[in-house]
Amino acid sequence: MTDNPPECESHEHWFEPLAEHMGPAYLRYSFTMGTEQEVDFLVRELDLRPGMRVLDVGCGPGRHANALAHRGIETVGVDISQRFVDVATAASVPGASFVRGDARALTFDAEFDVAISLCQGAFGLGGAPVSGDPNNLANDQAVLEGIRRALRPTGRVAVSAFSAYFQVKWLEDQDRFDAATAVNHETTEVRDDAGVAVSADLWTTCYTPRELRMLAERAGLVVDDISSVTPGEYARRPPTVDLHEFLLLAHRP
């Protein structure tokens, strides 16, 4: 295990032009509608209280960070898309702040009580497999290592990852799943506020619970639980092949 994340490419992340196009229209997608339930669950499970500090990695337009701030929990959101940072800032409430940054190269040092990365906001969005990383681990490991460094000792973590089981079970015509690297390539379109559509290629790295546990431990985290969840229906439940995501709960030793 290394504390140094790999160097990031100088060009923009593949998701940035899509976020630039969508802007606030991202919040119209159905998977964003369960924010309050998800945050209520995290507050209970992570024992979040007013006055604590949370890092939201891959915060997107800021829906979780702002919901936490509404509850008196200071939250810093980080996203690679400046457009999303601007949208989040425009809607921000006291206690929430947002900065542009690459989740693969976080620079925080033992500053937070809790870190979250939800709905594939950063974890699992490394992109297509590359020759220098045949096992497709480097990007997501860098995200988890940066999260660990950002936490105070015993600080807690919640990270969601798309389920490889679900992806393969419900593979659609527009999906191309690479079994060697567990990356699903989806061709689709995204729309802006005016309804203007542009074509999009989406790259999502998917996980089994075993893989998620191994990568988290490799990044220096202690795994507390891995549950099957779906947006807006977070709960502790055994892993299954029938739900969209796995939710990792862990802590920094």
Protein backbone atom coordinates (compact mmCIF):
# COMPACT_ATOMS: atom_id res chain seq x y z
CA MET A 1 0.00 0.00 0.00
CA THR A 2 1.22 3.48 -0.78
CA ASP A 3 0.21 6.85 0.62
CA ASN A 4 0.93 8.53 -2.70
CA PRO A 5 -1.93 8.51 -5.23
CA PRO A 6 -0.99 8.11 -8.88
CA GLU A 7 -0.41 11.23 -10.89
CA CYS A 8 -3.61 12.46 -12.50
CA GLU A 9 -3.75 13.13 -16.20
CA SER A 10 -3.44 16.79 -17.13
CA HIS A 11 -6.52 16.65 -19.37
CA GLU A 12 -10.03 16.86 -17.98
CA HIS A 13 -11.73 13.88 -16.39
CA TRP A 14 -14.12 12.11 -18.78
CA PHE A 15 -17.11 13.14 -16.61
CA GLU A 16 -16.38 16.88 -16.64
CA PRO A 17 -17.93 17.74 -20.04
CA LEU A 18 -21.05 15.76 -19.09
CA ALA A 19 -21.36 17.63 -15.80
CA GLU A 20 -20.78 20.92 -17.64
CA HIS A 21 -23.70 20.10 -19.92
CA MET A 22 -26.10 18.83 -17.24
CA GLY A 23 -25.50 21.43 -14.55
CA PRO A 24 -28.52 21.60 -12.19
CA ALA A 25 -30.48 19.26 -14.49
CA TYR A 26 -28.52 16.43 -12.84
CA LEU A 27 -30.82 16.85 -9.84
CA ARG A 28 -33.81 15.82 -11.96
CA TYR A 29 -32.61 12.22 -12.27
CA SER A 30 -34.66 9.81 -10.16
CA PHE A 31 -31.64 8.45 -8.28
CA THR A 32 -31.12 11.88 -6.67
CA MET A 33 -34.56 12.02 -5.07
CA GLY A 34 -33.74 10.01 -1.95
CA THR A 35 -31.28 12.43 -0.39
CA GLU A 36 -33.13 12.98 2.90
CA GLN A 37 -33.56 9.25 3.58
CA GLU A 38 -29.92 8.57 2.74
CA VAL A 39 -28.68 11.36 5.01
CA ASP A 40 -30.98 10.29 7.86
CA PHE A 41 -29.50 6.79 7.61
CA LEU A 42 -25.93 8.11 7.60
CA VAL A 43 -26.58 10.37 10.59
CA ARG A 44 -27.74 7.33 12.57
CA GLU A 45 -25.15 4.84 11.38
CA LEU A 46 -22.15 7.17 11.58
CA ASP A 47 -23.30 8.82 14.80
CA LEU A 48 -23.16 12.26 13.19
CA ARG A 49 -23.84 15.20 15.49
CA PRO A 50 -23.88 19.01 15.15
CA GLY A 51 -20.37 20.40 15.28
CA MET A 52 -18.74 17.45 13.53
CA ARG A 53 -16.93 17.88 10.20
CA VAL A 54 -17.73 15.78 7.13
CA LEU A 55 -15.88 15.50 3.82
CA ASP A 56 -18.15 14.74 0.84
CA VAL A 57 -15.94 13.31 -1.92
CA GLY A 58 -17.47 13.61 -5.37
CA CYS A 59 -20.21 15.83 -3.98
CA GLY A 60 -21.77 16.68 -7.36
CA PRO A 61 -24.30 19.52 -7.04
CA GLY A 62 -24.07 19.26 -3.25
CA ARG A 63 -27.27 17.51 -2.29
CA HIS A 64 -25.82 15.40 0.55
CA ALA A 65 -23.49 18.13 1.81
CA ASN A 66 -26.28 20.69 2.02
CA ALA A 67 -28.64 18.21 3.70
CA LEU A 68 -25.98 17.52 6.33
CA ALA A 69 -25.35 21.22 6.86
CA HIS A 70 -29.09 21.70 7.43
CA ARG A 71 -28.62 19.34 10.37
CA GLY A 72 -25.83 21.47 11.86
CA ILE A 73 -22.98 19.32 10.55
CA GLU A 74 -20.17 21.24 8.87
CA THR A 75 -19.53 19.72 5.46
CA VAL A 76 -16.88 20.32 2.80
CA GLY A 77 -17.81 19.06 -0.66
CA VAL A 78 -15.15 18.26 -3.26
CA ASP A 79 -15.90 17.60 -6.93
CA ILE A 80 -13.81 17.52 -10.08
CA SER A 81 -16.49 19.44 -12.01
CA GLN A 82 -16.33 23.20 -11.56
CA ARG A 83 -19.88 23.42 -12.91
CA PHE A 84 -21.15 21.15 -10.15
CA VAL A 85 -19.16 23.09 -7.54
CA ASP A 86 -20.79 26.30 -8.79
CA VAL A 87 -24.29 24.75 -8.66
CA ALA A 88 -23.65 23.43 -5.14
CA THR A 89 -22.29 26.78 -3.96
CA ALA A 90 -25.28 28.67 -5.36
CA ALA A 91 -27.60 26.44 -3.30
CA SER A 92 -25.36 26.23 -0.25
CA VAL A 93 -26.59 26.69 3.31
CA PRO A 94 -24.54 27.83 6.33
CA GLY A 95 -22.08 25.10 7.25
CA ALA A 96 -21.58 23.79 3.71
CA SER A 97 -18.69 24.80 1.46
CA PHE A 98 -17.52 23.46 -1.88
CA VAL A 99 -14.19 23.27 -3.71
CA ARG A 100 -13.00 21.84 -6.98
CA GLY A 101 -10.60 18.95 -6.55
CA ASP A 102 -9.65 15.53 -7.85
CA ALA A 103 -10.76 12.70 -5.56
CA ARG A 104 -7.71 10.72 -6.63
CA ALA A 105 -5.38 13.37 -5.19
CA LEU A 106 -6.98 14.63 -1.98
CA THR A 107 -4.67 16.79 0.14
CA PHE A 108 -6.56 16.86 3.46
CA ASP A 109 -4.71 15.60 6.52
CA ALA A 110 -6.64 14.29 9.55
CA GLU A 111 -9.21 17.11 9.36
CA PHE A 112 -12.57 15.29 9.33
CA ASP A 113 -14.66 13.12 11.61
CA VAL A 114 -16.46 11.42 8.72
CA ALA A 115 -15.98 11.10 4.97
CA ILE A 116 -18.60 10.03 2.45
CA SER A 117 -18.54 9.26 -1.27
CA LEU A 118 -21.98 8.33 -2.54
CA CYS A 119 -23.80 7.47 -5.74
CA GLN A 120 -20.55 6.93 -7.67
CA GLY A 121 -19.70 10.59 -7.23
CA ALA A 122 -16.00 9.74 -7.34
CA PHE A 123 -15.41 6.13 -6.34
CA GLY A 124 -15.95 3.88 -9.36
CA LEU A 125 -15.70 6.68 -11.93
CA GLY A 126 -12.03 6.29 -12.81
CA GLY A 127 -12.85 5.60 -16.44
CA ALA A 128 -11.90 2.96 -18.96
CA PRO A 129 -9.19 0.42 -18.10
CA VAL A 130 -5.65 1.49 -19.01
CA SER A 131 -2.61 -0.60 -19.87
CA GLY A 132 -0.64 0.59 -16.85
CA ASP A 133 -3.32 -0.63 -14.44
CA PRO A 134 -4.50 -4.02 -15.76
CA ASN A 135 -6.51 -4.80 -12.63
CA ASN A 136 -8.25 -1.39 -12.70
CA LEU A 137 -7.51 -0.67 -9.04
CA ALA A 138 -5.30 2.41 -8.96
CA ASN A 139 -7.94 5.14 -9.28
CA ASP A 140 -10.34 3.76 -6.69
CA GLN A 141 -7.54 2.83 -4.30
CA ALA A 142 -6.24 6.40 -4.55
CA VAL A 143 -9.72 7.71 -3.64
CA LEU A 144 -9.91 5.48 -0.56
CA GLU A 145 -6.35 6.29 0.54
CA GLY A 146 -7.08 10.01 0.26
CA ILE A 147 -10.22 9.54 2.32
CA ARG A 148 -8.27 7.67 4.99
CA ARG A 149 -5.67 10.43 5.19
CA ALA A 150 -8.41 13.07 5.46
CA LEU A 151 -9.91 11.40 8.55
CA ARG A 152 -8.94 11.83 12.14
CA PRO A 153 -8.06 8.57 13.94
CA THR A 154 -11.23 6.46 14.39
CA GLY A 155 -12.97 8.65 11.80
CA ARG A 156 -15.71 6.89 9.88
CA VAL A 157 -16.40 6.30 6.21
CA ALA A 158 -19.42 5.61 4.00
CA VAL A 159 -18.72 4.78 0.34
CA SER A 160 -21.15 3.38 -2.21
CA ALA A 161 -20.09 1.23 -5.15
CA PHE A 162 -22.13 -0.10 -8.04
CA SER A 163 -22.86 -3.81 -7.75
CA ALA A 164 -21.18 -6.06 -10.31
CA TYR A 165 -23.87 -8.66 -9.61
CA PHE A 166 -26.70 -6.25 -10.39
CA GLN A 167 -24.94 -4.88 -13.48
CA VAL A 168 -24.45 -8.30 -15.04
CA LYS A 169 -27.92 -9.53 -14.07
CA TRP A 170 -29.61 -6.51 -15.66
CA LEU A 171 -27.23 -5.88 -18.58
CA GLU A 172 -28.96 -3.78 -21.25
CA ASP A 173 -28.36 -3.33 -24.96
CA GLN A 174 -26.39 -0.11 -24.42
CA ASP A 175 -24.07 -1.76 -21.85
CA ARG A 176 -20.70 -3.36 -22.49
CA PHE A 177 -19.36 -5.04 -19.36
CA ASP A 178 -15.65 -5.94 -19.25
CA ALA A 179 -15.46 -9.04 -17.05
CA ALA A 180 -11.69 -8.72 -16.61
CA THR A 181 -11.81 -5.27 -15.04
CA ALA A 182 -15.48 -5.03 -13.97
CA VAL A 183 -15.89 -1.77 -15.91
CA ASN A 184 -19.26 -1.21 -17.54
CA HIS A 185 -19.29 1.08 -20.58
CA GLU A 186 -22.72 2.56 -21.24
CA THR A 187 -23.64 4.64 -24.27
CA THR A 188 -26.51 6.99 -23.50
CA GLU A 189 -27.43 10.67 -23.59
CA VAL A 190 -27.69 13.41 -20.97
CA ARG A 191 -29.81 16.55 -21.01
CA ASP A 192 -29.35 20.10 -19.78
CA ASP A 193 -31.93 22.38 -18.14
CA ALA A 194 -33.47 23.17 -21.52
CA GLY A 195 -33.82 19.50 -22.42
CA VAL A 196 -31.01 19.57 -24.99
CA ALA A 197 -29.50 16.09 -25.26
CA VAL A 198 -25.89 15.17 -25.99
CA SER A 199 -24.48 11.68 -26.44
CA ALA A 200 -22.47 10.33 -23.53
CA ASP A 201 -20.16 7.44 -22.74
CA LEU A 202 -20.32 6.41 -19.08
CA TRP A 203 -17.64 4.27 -17.43
CA THR A 204 -18.54 2.66 -14.10
CA THR A 205 -16.29 0.28 -12.19
CA CYS A 206 -18.45 -2.29 -10.42
CA TYR A 207 -17.67 -4.36 -7.32
CA THR A 208 -18.55 -7.46 -5.38
CA PRO A 209 -18.60 -7.14 -1.56
CA ARG A 210 -15.42 -9.22 -1.34
CA GLU A 211 -13.56 -6.93 -3.74
CA LEU A 212 -14.81 -3.83 -1.96
CA ARG A 213 -13.63 -5.20 1.39
CA MET A 214 -10.21 -6.13 0.03
CA LEU A 215 -9.65 -2.73 -1.60
CA ALA A 216 -10.75 -0.86 1.53
CA GLU A 217 -8.39 -2.91 3.69
CA ARG A 218 -5.59 -2.39 1.18
CA ALA A 219 -6.20 1.37 1.54
CA GLY A 220 -5.77 1.12 5.32
CA LEU A 221 -9.42 1.15 6.40
CA VAL A 222 -11.14 -1.22 8.82
CA VAL A 223 -14.40 -2.51 7.35
CA ASP A 224 -17.41 -2.42 9.67
CA ASP A 225 -20.20 -3.45 7.30
CA ILE A 226 -21.10 -3.89 3.63
CA SER A 227 -24.80 -3.73 2.80
CA SER A 228 -26.87 -3.86 -0.36
CA VAL A 229 -28.65 -0.54 -0.93
CA THR A 230 -30.50 1.35 -3.61
CA PRO A 231 -30.85 5.14 -3.89
CA GLY A 232 -33.36 6.47 -1.37
CA GLU A 233 -33.54 3.12 0.45
CA TYR A 234 -30.39 2.94 2.54
CA ALA A 235 -30.49 0.27 5.26
CA ARG A 236 -28.32 -2.40 6.79
CA ARG A 237 -29.11 -5.59 4.91
CA PRO A 238 -27.08 -8.58 3.71
CA PRO A 239 -25.48 -8.31 0.26
CA THR A 240 -27.76 -9.45 -2.57
CA VAL A 241 -27.64 -9.60 -6.35
CA ASP A 242 -30.89 -7.65 -6.64
CA LEU A 243 -29.99 -4.09 -5.54
CA HIS A 244 -28.00 -1.44 -7.40
CA GLU A 245 -25.20 -0.67 -4.94
CA PHE A 246 -23.13 -1.86 -2.05
CA LEU A 247 -22.57 0.55 0.82
CA LEU A 248 -19.24 0.24 2.62
CA LEU A 249 -19.08 1.43 6.22
CA ALA A 250 -15.56 1.55 7.63
CA HIS A 251 -13.25 3.54 9.87
CA ARG A 252 -9.67 4.73 10.10
CA PRO A 253 -7.85 2.78 12.83
